[in-house]
Amino acid sequence: MLYTGVEAGRVTVKLAEISWEGNSLKVLRSWPRPIREDFGACLWEMQAGNPATLTVRPMISIAASVFELKDQDGSKWYRMIYLARVKDVIYVLHCFTKDSAKTEKRDLATAKARWKQIQQRLRGEPTDVEGAKEQLTTHDKGKRAG
């Protein structure tokens, strides 16, 4: 747990921020309430610097610091792929459901693409969208017909 100080017998805990990448929050909000509560409680613990309360699996195929949280109900498996705490931020890369034991390639590709975008942002490099805007702006500075 990360402590930021002790005040009059109370401990102040610094919570990590959560960055919801793409449509991950929208997907999570569409899940059944008990599943949302499980993931919410787990994220809360992780924000406070505690271990995850759900089953965790490393996603080495994406990156060494990327993990998958798992939960299920009677009909589906629910998954959240996230980048572990970086500069006091937990990045939720992708949320999805699945019906089989294997993770679909498209879900892995989505998580990996979002991970790459975060890496670019952390390095201060333009992402694909920002780069396209920069190219348009730079290209637009040429001569114009009068």
N, C-alpha and C. Protein backbone atom coordinates (compact mmCIF):
# COMPACT_ATOMS: atom_id res chain seq x y z
N MET A 1 0.85 -1.17 0.00
CA MET A 1 0.00 0.00 0.00
C MET A 1 0.90 1.24 0.00
N LEU A 2 0.55 2.24 -0.76
CA LEU A 2 1.33 3.47 -0.83
C LEU A 2 0.75 4.48 0.15
N TYR A 3 1.55 4.87 1.11
CA TYR A 3 1.10 5.85 2.11
C TYR A 3 1.66 7.21 1.75
N THR A 4 0.82 8.22 1.82
CA THR A 4 1.30 9.57 1.56
C THR A 4 1.48 10.36 2.83
N GLY A 5 1.11 9.79 3.97
CA GLY A 5 1.32 10.48 5.23
C GLY A 5 0.39 9.98 6.30
N VAL A 6 0.70 10.35 7.52
CA VAL A 6 -0.14 10.00 8.66
C VAL A 6 -0.58 11.29 9.31
N GLU A 7 -1.89 11.45 9.48
CA GLU A 7 -2.43 12.66 10.08
C GLU A 7 -3.32 12.28 11.26
N ALA A 8 -2.97 12.69 12.45
CA ALA A 8 -3.78 12.47 13.65
C ALA A 8 -4.29 11.03 13.74
N GLY A 9 -3.40 10.08 13.54
CA GLY A 9 -3.76 8.67 13.64
C GLY A 9 -4.42 8.09 12.41
N ARG A 10 -4.63 8.90 11.39
CA ARG A 10 -5.21 8.40 10.14
C ARG A 10 -4.13 8.24 9.10
N VAL A 11 -4.24 7.21 8.32
CA VAL A 11 -3.28 6.98 7.24
C VAL A 11 -3.92 7.46 5.94
N THR A 12 -3.19 8.24 5.18
CA THR A 12 -3.66 8.71 3.89
C THR A 12 -3.03 7.84 2.81
N VAL A 13 -3.86 7.25 2.00
CA VAL A 13 -3.39 6.37 0.93
C VAL A 13 -3.54 7.10 -0.39
N LYS A 14 -2.48 7.08 -1.19
CA LYS A 14 -2.54 7.70 -2.51
C LYS A 14 -3.02 6.66 -3.50
N LEU A 15 -4.18 6.89 -4.07
CA LEU A 15 -4.74 5.97 -5.04
C LEU A 15 -4.21 6.27 -6.43
N ALA A 16 -3.91 5.23 -7.17
CA ALA A 16 -3.51 5.39 -8.56
C ALA A 16 -4.73 5.83 -9.37
N GLU A 17 -4.49 6.56 -10.43
CA GLU A 17 -5.57 6.91 -11.35
C GLU A 17 -5.86 5.70 -12.23
N ILE A 18 -7.03 5.71 -12.85
CA ILE A 18 -7.37 4.68 -13.84
C ILE A 18 -7.56 5.39 -15.17
N SER A 19 -6.89 4.92 -16.19
CA SER A 19 -7.07 5.45 -17.53
C SER A 19 -7.79 4.38 -18.36
N TRP A 20 -8.98 4.70 -18.79
CA TRP A 20 -9.80 3.76 -19.57
C TRP A 20 -9.49 4.00 -21.04
N GLU A 21 -8.86 3.06 -21.68
CA GLU A 21 -8.48 3.20 -23.08
C GLU A 21 -9.60 2.72 -24.00
N GLY A 22 -9.78 3.43 -25.11
CA GLY A 22 -10.79 3.04 -26.08
C GLY A 22 -12.17 2.96 -25.45
N ASN A 23 -12.89 1.90 -25.75
CA ASN A 23 -14.25 1.73 -25.25
C ASN A 23 -14.31 0.83 -24.02
N SER A 24 -13.18 0.64 -23.34
CA SER A 24 -13.12 -0.33 -22.23
C SER A 24 -14.12 -0.01 -21.11
N LEU A 25 -14.30 1.24 -20.75
CA LEU A 25 -15.25 1.58 -19.69
C LEU A 25 -16.69 1.32 -20.14
N LYS A 26 -17.00 1.65 -21.39
CA LYS A 26 -18.34 1.41 -21.92
C LYS A 26 -18.66 -0.09 -21.89
N VAL A 27 -17.69 -0.91 -22.27
CA VAL A 27 -17.90 -2.36 -22.26
C VAL A 27 -18.12 -2.84 -20.83
N LEU A 28 -17.27 -2.39 -19.90
CA LEU A 28 -17.40 -2.80 -18.50
C LEU A 28 -18.78 -2.44 -17.96
N ARG A 29 -19.26 -1.25 -18.29
CA ARG A 29 -20.57 -0.80 -17.80
C ARG A 29 -21.73 -1.63 -18.35
N SER A 30 -21.50 -2.35 -19.45
CA SER A 30 -22.55 -3.18 -20.04
C SER A 30 -22.65 -4.56 -19.37
N TRP A 31 -21.70 -4.90 -18.52
CA TRP A 31 -21.69 -6.21 -17.87
C TRP A 31 -22.68 -6.25 -16.71
N PRO A 32 -23.08 -7.45 -16.29
CA PRO A 32 -24.00 -7.58 -15.14
C PRO A 32 -23.42 -6.95 -13.87
N ARG A 33 -24.30 -6.42 -13.05
CA ARG A 33 -23.89 -5.71 -11.83
C ARG A 33 -22.90 -6.49 -10.96
N PRO A 34 -23.13 -7.77 -10.64
CA PRO A 34 -22.17 -8.48 -9.78
C PRO A 34 -20.76 -8.55 -10.39
N ILE A 35 -20.70 -8.68 -11.70
CA ILE A 35 -19.40 -8.73 -12.38
C ILE A 35 -18.73 -7.36 -12.31
N ARG A 36 -19.50 -6.30 -12.57
CA ARG A 36 -18.95 -4.94 -12.46
C ARG A 36 -18.43 -4.68 -11.06
N GLU A 37 -19.18 -5.12 -10.06
CA GLU A 37 -18.76 -4.91 -8.67
C GLU A 37 -17.47 -5.67 -8.37
N ASP A 38 -17.34 -6.89 -8.89
CA ASP A 38 -16.10 -7.65 -8.69
C ASP A 38 -14.90 -6.92 -9.28
N PHE A 39 -15.04 -6.45 -10.52
CA PHE A 39 -13.94 -5.74 -11.16
C PHE A 39 -13.68 -4.40 -10.47
N GLY A 40 -14.73 -3.71 -10.07
CA GLY A 40 -14.57 -2.43 -9.37
C GLY A 40 -13.82 -2.59 -8.06
N ALA A 41 -14.18 -3.60 -7.27
CA ALA A 41 -13.50 -3.85 -6.00
C ALA A 41 -12.04 -4.22 -6.24
N CYS A 42 -11.80 -5.01 -7.27
CA CYS A 42 -10.43 -5.41 -7.59
C CYS A 42 -9.59 -4.20 -8.00
N LEU A 43 -10.14 -3.36 -8.86
CA LEU A 43 -9.41 -2.15 -9.28
C LEU A 43 -9.14 -1.23 -8.09
N TRP A 44 -10.10 -1.11 -7.19
CA TRP A 44 -9.93 -0.28 -6.00
C TRP A 44 -8.72 -0.76 -5.20
N GLU A 45 -8.64 -2.06 -4.98
CA GLU A 45 -7.50 -2.62 -4.24
C GLU A 45 -6.19 -2.34 -4.97
N MET A 46 -6.20 -2.50 -6.28
CA MET A 46 -4.99 -2.26 -7.06
C MET A 46 -4.61 -0.78 -7.03
N GLN A 47 -5.60 0.10 -7.06
CA GLN A 47 -5.33 1.54 -6.97
C GLN A 47 -4.62 1.88 -5.67
N ALA A 48 -4.96 1.16 -4.60
CA ALA A 48 -4.36 1.40 -3.29
C ALA A 48 -3.01 0.71 -3.14
N GLY A 49 -2.58 -0.02 -4.17
CA GLY A 49 -1.29 -0.68 -4.13
C GLY A 49 -1.34 -2.10 -3.60
N ASN A 50 -2.54 -2.64 -3.43
CA ASN A 50 -2.72 -4.00 -2.94
C ASN A 50 -2.80 -4.98 -4.11
N PRO A 51 -2.61 -6.27 -3.84
CA PRO A 51 -2.74 -7.27 -4.91
C PRO A 51 -4.18 -7.35 -5.42
N ALA A 52 -4.32 -7.79 -6.64
CA ALA A 52 -5.65 -7.97 -7.24
C ALA A 52 -6.43 -9.03 -6.47
N THR A 53 -7.73 -8.82 -6.37
CA THR A 53 -8.60 -9.77 -5.67
C THR A 53 -9.23 -10.78 -6.62
N LEU A 54 -9.09 -10.57 -7.92
CA LEU A 54 -9.55 -11.53 -8.92
C LEU A 54 -8.35 -12.32 -9.43
N THR A 55 -8.61 -13.38 -10.16
CA THR A 55 -7.54 -14.17 -10.77
C THR A 55 -6.81 -13.31 -11.80
N VAL A 56 -5.49 -13.36 -11.75
CA VAL A 56 -4.65 -12.56 -12.65
C VAL A 56 -3.78 -13.50 -13.47
N ARG A 57 -3.63 -13.15 -14.75
CA ARG A 57 -2.76 -13.92 -15.63
C ARG A 57 -1.87 -12.94 -16.38
N PRO A 58 -0.55 -13.18 -16.42
CA PRO A 58 0.32 -12.30 -17.22
C PRO A 58 0.02 -12.47 -18.71
N MET A 59 0.07 -11.37 -19.42
CA MET A 59 -0.16 -11.38 -20.87
C MET A 59 1.15 -11.07 -21.58
N ILE A 60 2.09 -11.98 -21.47
CA ILE A 60 3.44 -11.77 -22.01
C ILE A 60 3.40 -11.58 -23.52
N SER A 61 2.40 -12.13 -24.20
CA SER A 61 2.31 -11.96 -25.65
C SER A 61 2.09 -10.50 -26.03
N ILE A 62 1.62 -9.69 -25.08
CA ILE A 62 1.45 -8.25 -25.32
C ILE A 62 2.66 -7.51 -24.80
N ALA A 63 2.96 -7.67 -23.51
CA ALA A 63 4.14 -7.05 -22.89
C ALA A 63 4.30 -7.61 -21.48
N ALA A 64 5.49 -7.49 -20.94
CA ALA A 64 5.78 -8.06 -19.61
C ALA A 64 4.95 -7.41 -18.51
N SER A 65 4.54 -6.18 -18.68
CA SER A 65 3.82 -5.45 -17.63
C SER A 65 2.30 -5.44 -17.85
N VAL A 66 1.82 -6.28 -18.75
CA VAL A 66 0.40 -6.34 -19.06
C VAL A 66 -0.19 -7.62 -18.47
N PHE A 67 -1.38 -7.47 -17.85
CA PHE A 67 -2.03 -8.59 -17.17
C PHE A 67 -3.50 -8.66 -17.54
N GLU A 68 -4.10 -9.81 -17.27
CA GLU A 68 -5.51 -10.02 -17.52
C GLU A 68 -6.19 -10.38 -16.20
N LEU A 69 -7.28 -9.68 -15.89
CA LEU A 69 -8.12 -10.04 -14.75
C LEU A 69 -9.26 -10.90 -15.27
N LYS A 70 -9.64 -11.91 -14.48
CA LYS A 70 -10.66 -12.86 -14.93
C LYS A 70 -11.81 -12.95 -13.93
N ASP A 71 -13.02 -13.03 -14.46
CA ASP A 71 -14.20 -13.30 -13.65
C ASP A 71 -15.20 -14.05 -14.54
N GLN A 72 -16.20 -14.66 -13.93
CA GLN A 72 -17.19 -15.38 -14.71
C GLN A 72 -18.51 -15.47 -13.97
N ASP A 73 -19.56 -15.68 -14.74
CA ASP A 73 -20.85 -16.02 -14.15
C ASP A 73 -21.31 -17.31 -14.83
N GLY A 74 -22.56 -17.65 -14.73
CA GLY A 74 -23.04 -18.91 -15.28
C GLY A 74 -22.99 -19.01 -16.79
N SER A 75 -22.90 -17.88 -17.49
CA SER A 75 -22.99 -17.91 -18.94
C SER A 75 -21.73 -17.47 -19.69
N LYS A 76 -20.91 -16.61 -19.08
CA LYS A 76 -19.77 -16.05 -19.82
C LYS A 76 -18.56 -15.88 -18.92
N TRP A 77 -17.42 -15.69 -19.60
CA TRP A 77 -16.19 -15.29 -18.94
C TRP A 77 -15.97 -13.82 -19.26
N TYR A 78 -15.56 -13.06 -18.28
CA TYR A 78 -15.33 -11.62 -18.42
C TYR A 78 -13.85 -11.36 -18.22
N ARG A 79 -13.29 -10.53 -19.09
CA ARG A 79 -11.86 -10.29 -19.04
C ARG A 79 -11.56 -8.79 -19.12
N MET A 80 -10.54 -8.39 -18.38
CA MET A 80 -10.03 -7.02 -18.43
C MET A 80 -8.52 -7.12 -18.58
N ILE A 81 -7.99 -6.56 -19.65
CA ILE A 81 -6.54 -6.53 -19.86
C ILE A 81 -6.07 -5.14 -19.47
N TYR A 82 -5.03 -5.09 -18.63
CA TYR A 82 -4.55 -3.80 -18.15
C TYR A 82 -3.03 -3.75 -18.10
N LEU A 83 -2.52 -2.54 -18.17
CA LEU A 83 -1.10 -2.27 -18.00
C LEU A 83 -0.90 -1.92 -16.55
N ALA A 84 0.01 -2.63 -15.90
CA ALA A 84 0.27 -2.41 -14.47
C ALA A 84 0.63 -0.95 -14.22
N ARG A 85 0.51 -0.56 -13.00
CA ARG A 85 0.71 0.82 -12.54
C ARG A 85 1.99 1.43 -13.11
N VAL A 86 1.82 2.52 -13.87
CA VAL A 86 2.93 3.28 -14.43
C VAL A 86 2.71 4.73 -14.05
N LYS A 87 3.66 5.31 -13.32
CA LYS A 87 3.53 6.71 -12.89
C LYS A 87 2.18 6.96 -12.22
N ASP A 88 1.80 6.07 -11.29
CA ASP A 88 0.55 6.17 -10.54
C ASP A 88 -0.70 6.14 -11.41
N VAL A 89 -0.63 5.42 -12.53
CA VAL A 89 -1.79 5.23 -13.39
C VAL A 89 -1.89 3.74 -13.74
N ILE A 90 -3.10 3.20 -13.64
CA ILE A 90 -3.39 1.86 -14.13
C ILE A 90 -4.15 2.05 -15.44
N TYR A 91 -3.62 1.50 -16.51
CA TYR A 91 -4.23 1.65 -17.83
C TYR A 91 -5.07 0.43 -18.16
N VAL A 92 -6.38 0.60 -18.26
CA VAL A 92 -7.25 -0.49 -18.68
C VAL A 92 -7.27 -0.48 -20.21
N LEU A 93 -6.66 -1.50 -20.79
CA LEU A 93 -6.49 -1.55 -22.23
C LEU A 93 -7.73 -2.05 -22.96
N HIS A 94 -8.35 -3.09 -22.41
CA HIS A 94 -9.45 -3.72 -23.15
C HIS A 94 -10.30 -4.55 -22.20
N CYS A 95 -11.61 -4.47 -22.37
CA CYS A 95 -12.56 -5.31 -21.64
C CYS A 95 -13.37 -6.08 -22.68
N PHE A 96 -13.59 -7.36 -22.41
CA PHE A 96 -14.33 -8.18 -23.36
C PHE A 96 -14.87 -9.42 -22.67
N THR A 97 -15.81 -10.06 -23.35
CA THR A 97 -16.35 -11.34 -22.86
C THR A 97 -15.93 -12.42 -23.84
N LYS A 98 -15.94 -13.65 -23.34
CA LYS A 98 -15.64 -14.76 -24.23
C LYS A 98 -16.40 -16.00 -23.79
N ASP A 99 -16.60 -16.90 -24.75
CA ASP A 99 -17.37 -18.11 -24.50
C ASP A 99 -16.50 -19.36 -24.49
N SER A 100 -15.24 -19.22 -24.92
CA SER A 100 -14.35 -20.38 -24.96
C SER A 100 -13.09 -20.08 -24.16
N ALA A 101 -12.27 -21.09 -23.97
CA ALA A 101 -11.05 -20.92 -23.17
C ALA A 101 -10.01 -20.05 -23.88
N LYS A 102 -10.06 -20.02 -25.19
CA LYS A 102 -9.05 -19.28 -25.95
C LYS A 102 -9.45 -17.82 -26.12
N THR A 103 -8.46 -16.93 -25.98
CA THR A 103 -8.69 -15.50 -26.21
C THR A 103 -8.59 -15.24 -27.71
N GLU A 104 -9.58 -14.56 -28.25
CA GLU A 104 -9.62 -14.26 -29.68
C GLU A 104 -8.44 -13.37 -30.08
N LYS A 105 -7.93 -13.57 -31.29
CA LYS A 105 -6.81 -12.78 -31.79
C LYS A 105 -7.17 -11.30 -31.85
N ARG A 106 -8.42 -11.00 -32.19
CA ARG A 106 -8.82 -9.58 -32.30
C ARG A 106 -8.75 -8.88 -30.94
N ASP A 107 -9.07 -9.61 -29.86
CA ASP A 107 -8.99 -9.02 -28.52
C ASP A 107 -7.54 -8.77 -28.13
N LEU A 108 -6.66 -9.71 -28.45
CA LEU A 108 -5.23 -9.52 -28.18
C LEU A 108 -4.68 -8.36 -29.01
N ALA A 109 -5.10 -8.28 -30.28
CA ALA A 109 -4.63 -7.20 -31.16
C ALA A 109 -5.10 -5.84 -30.65
N THR A 110 -6.34 -5.76 -30.18
CA THR A 110 -6.87 -4.50 -29.64
C THR A 110 -6.06 -4.07 -28.43
N ALA A 111 -5.82 -4.99 -27.50
CA ALA A 111 -5.05 -4.67 -26.30
C ALA A 111 -3.63 -4.25 -26.66
N LYS A 112 -3.01 -4.95 -27.59
CA LYS A 112 -1.63 -4.63 -27.98
C LYS A 112 -1.55 -3.25 -28.65
N ALA A 113 -2.51 -2.95 -29.51
CA ALA A 113 -2.52 -1.64 -30.18
C ALA A 113 -2.67 -0.52 -29.15
N ARG A 114 -3.53 -0.70 -28.18
CA ARG A 114 -3.72 0.32 -27.14
C ARG A 114 -2.48 0.43 -26.26
N TRP A 115 -1.82 -0.69 -25.99
CA TRP A 115 -0.58 -0.67 -25.22
C TRP A 115 0.47 0.15 -25.98
N LYS A 116 0.58 -0.06 -27.28
CA LYS A 116 1.55 0.69 -28.09
C LYS A 116 1.25 2.19 -28.06
N GLN A 117 -0.03 2.55 -28.11
CA GLN A 117 -0.40 3.97 -28.04
C GLN A 117 0.02 4.58 -26.71
N ILE A 118 -0.15 3.84 -25.64
CA ILE A 118 0.26 4.33 -24.31
C ILE A 118 1.76 4.51 -24.27
N GLN A 119 2.50 3.55 -24.81
CA GLN A 119 3.96 3.66 -24.83
C GLN A 119 4.40 4.92 -25.58
N GLN A 120 3.74 5.20 -26.69
CA GLN A 120 4.05 6.41 -27.45
C GLN A 120 3.75 7.66 -26.62
N ARG A 121 2.60 7.68 -25.96
CA ARG A 121 2.23 8.84 -25.13
C ARG A 121 3.23 9.04 -24.00
N LEU A 122 3.64 7.95 -23.36
CA LEU A 122 4.58 8.05 -22.25
C LEU A 122 5.95 8.55 -22.71
N ARG A 123 6.31 8.22 -23.93
CA ARG A 123 7.59 8.70 -24.48
C ARG A 123 7.46 10.09 -25.11
N GLY A 124 6.24 10.60 -25.16
CA GLY A 124 6.03 11.93 -25.75
C GLY A 124 5.98 11.91 -27.26
N GLU A 125 5.86 10.72 -27.85
CA GLU A 125 5.76 10.61 -29.30
C GLU A 125 4.30 10.77 -29.71
N PRO A 126 4.07 11.29 -30.90
CA PRO A 126 2.68 11.39 -31.34
C PRO A 126 2.10 10.01 -31.61
N THR A 127 0.84 9.82 -31.25
CA THR A 127 0.15 8.57 -31.58
C THR A 127 -0.23 8.65 -33.04
N ASP A 128 -0.80 7.60 -33.59
CA ASP A 128 -1.18 7.59 -35.00
C ASP A 128 -2.12 8.74 -35.33
N VAL A 129 -3.09 9.01 -34.48
CA VAL A 129 -4.04 10.09 -34.72
C VAL A 129 -3.34 11.44 -34.62
N GLU A 130 -2.52 11.63 -33.57
CA GLU A 130 -1.80 12.89 -33.42
C GLU A 130 -0.81 13.08 -34.57
N GLY A 131 -0.15 12.01 -34.98
CA GLY A 131 0.80 12.07 -36.09
C GLY A 131 0.11 12.48 -37.38
N ALA A 132 -1.08 11.95 -37.62
CA ALA A 132 -1.83 12.30 -38.82
C ALA A 132 -2.20 13.78 -38.79
N LYS A 133 -2.61 14.29 -37.63
CA LYS A 133 -2.93 15.72 -37.51
C LYS A 133 -1.70 16.56 -37.77
N GLU A 134 -0.55 16.13 -37.22
CA GLU A 134 0.70 16.86 -37.41
C GLU A 134 1.07 16.89 -38.89
N GLN A 135 0.93 15.76 -39.59
CA GLN A 135 1.26 15.71 -41.00
C GLN A 135 0.34 16.64 -41.80
N LEU A 136 -0.94 16.65 -41.46
CA LEU A 136 -1.87 17.53 -42.16
C LEU A 136 -1.51 18.99 -41.92
N THR A 137 -1.17 19.33 -40.69
CA THR A 137 -0.82 20.70 -40.36
C THR A 137 0.46 21.11 -41.08
N THR A 138 1.47 20.24 -41.03
CA THR A 138 2.75 20.53 -41.69
C THR A 138 2.55 20.63 -43.19
N HIS A 139 1.80 19.69 -43.76
CA HIS A 139 1.57 19.68 -45.19
C HIS A 139 0.78 20.91 -45.62
N ASP A 140 -0.11 21.37 -44.78
CA ASP A 140 -0.98 22.49 -45.09
C ASP A 140 -0.22 23.82 -45.10
N LYS A 141 1.02 23.85 -44.57
CA LYS A 141 1.76 25.11 -44.47
C LYS A 141 2.45 25.47 -45.78
N GLY A 142 2.26 24.65 -46.80
CA GLY A 142 2.90 24.92 -48.09
C GLY A 142 2.27 26.11 -48.79
N LYS A 143 2.67 26.33 -50.03
CA LYS A 143 2.15 27.45 -50.81
C LYS A 143 0.67 27.23 -51.11
N ARG A 144 -0.05 28.30 -51.09
CA ARG A 144 -1.47 28.24 -51.41
C ARG A 144 -1.75 29.07 -52.65
N ALA A 145 -2.71 28.58 -53.38
CA ALA A 145 -3.11 29.36 -54.56
C ALA A 145 -3.88 30.58 -54.07
N GLY A 146 -3.61 31.69 -54.64
CA GLY A 146 -4.16 32.93 -54.15
C GLY A 146 -5.44 33.27 -54.69
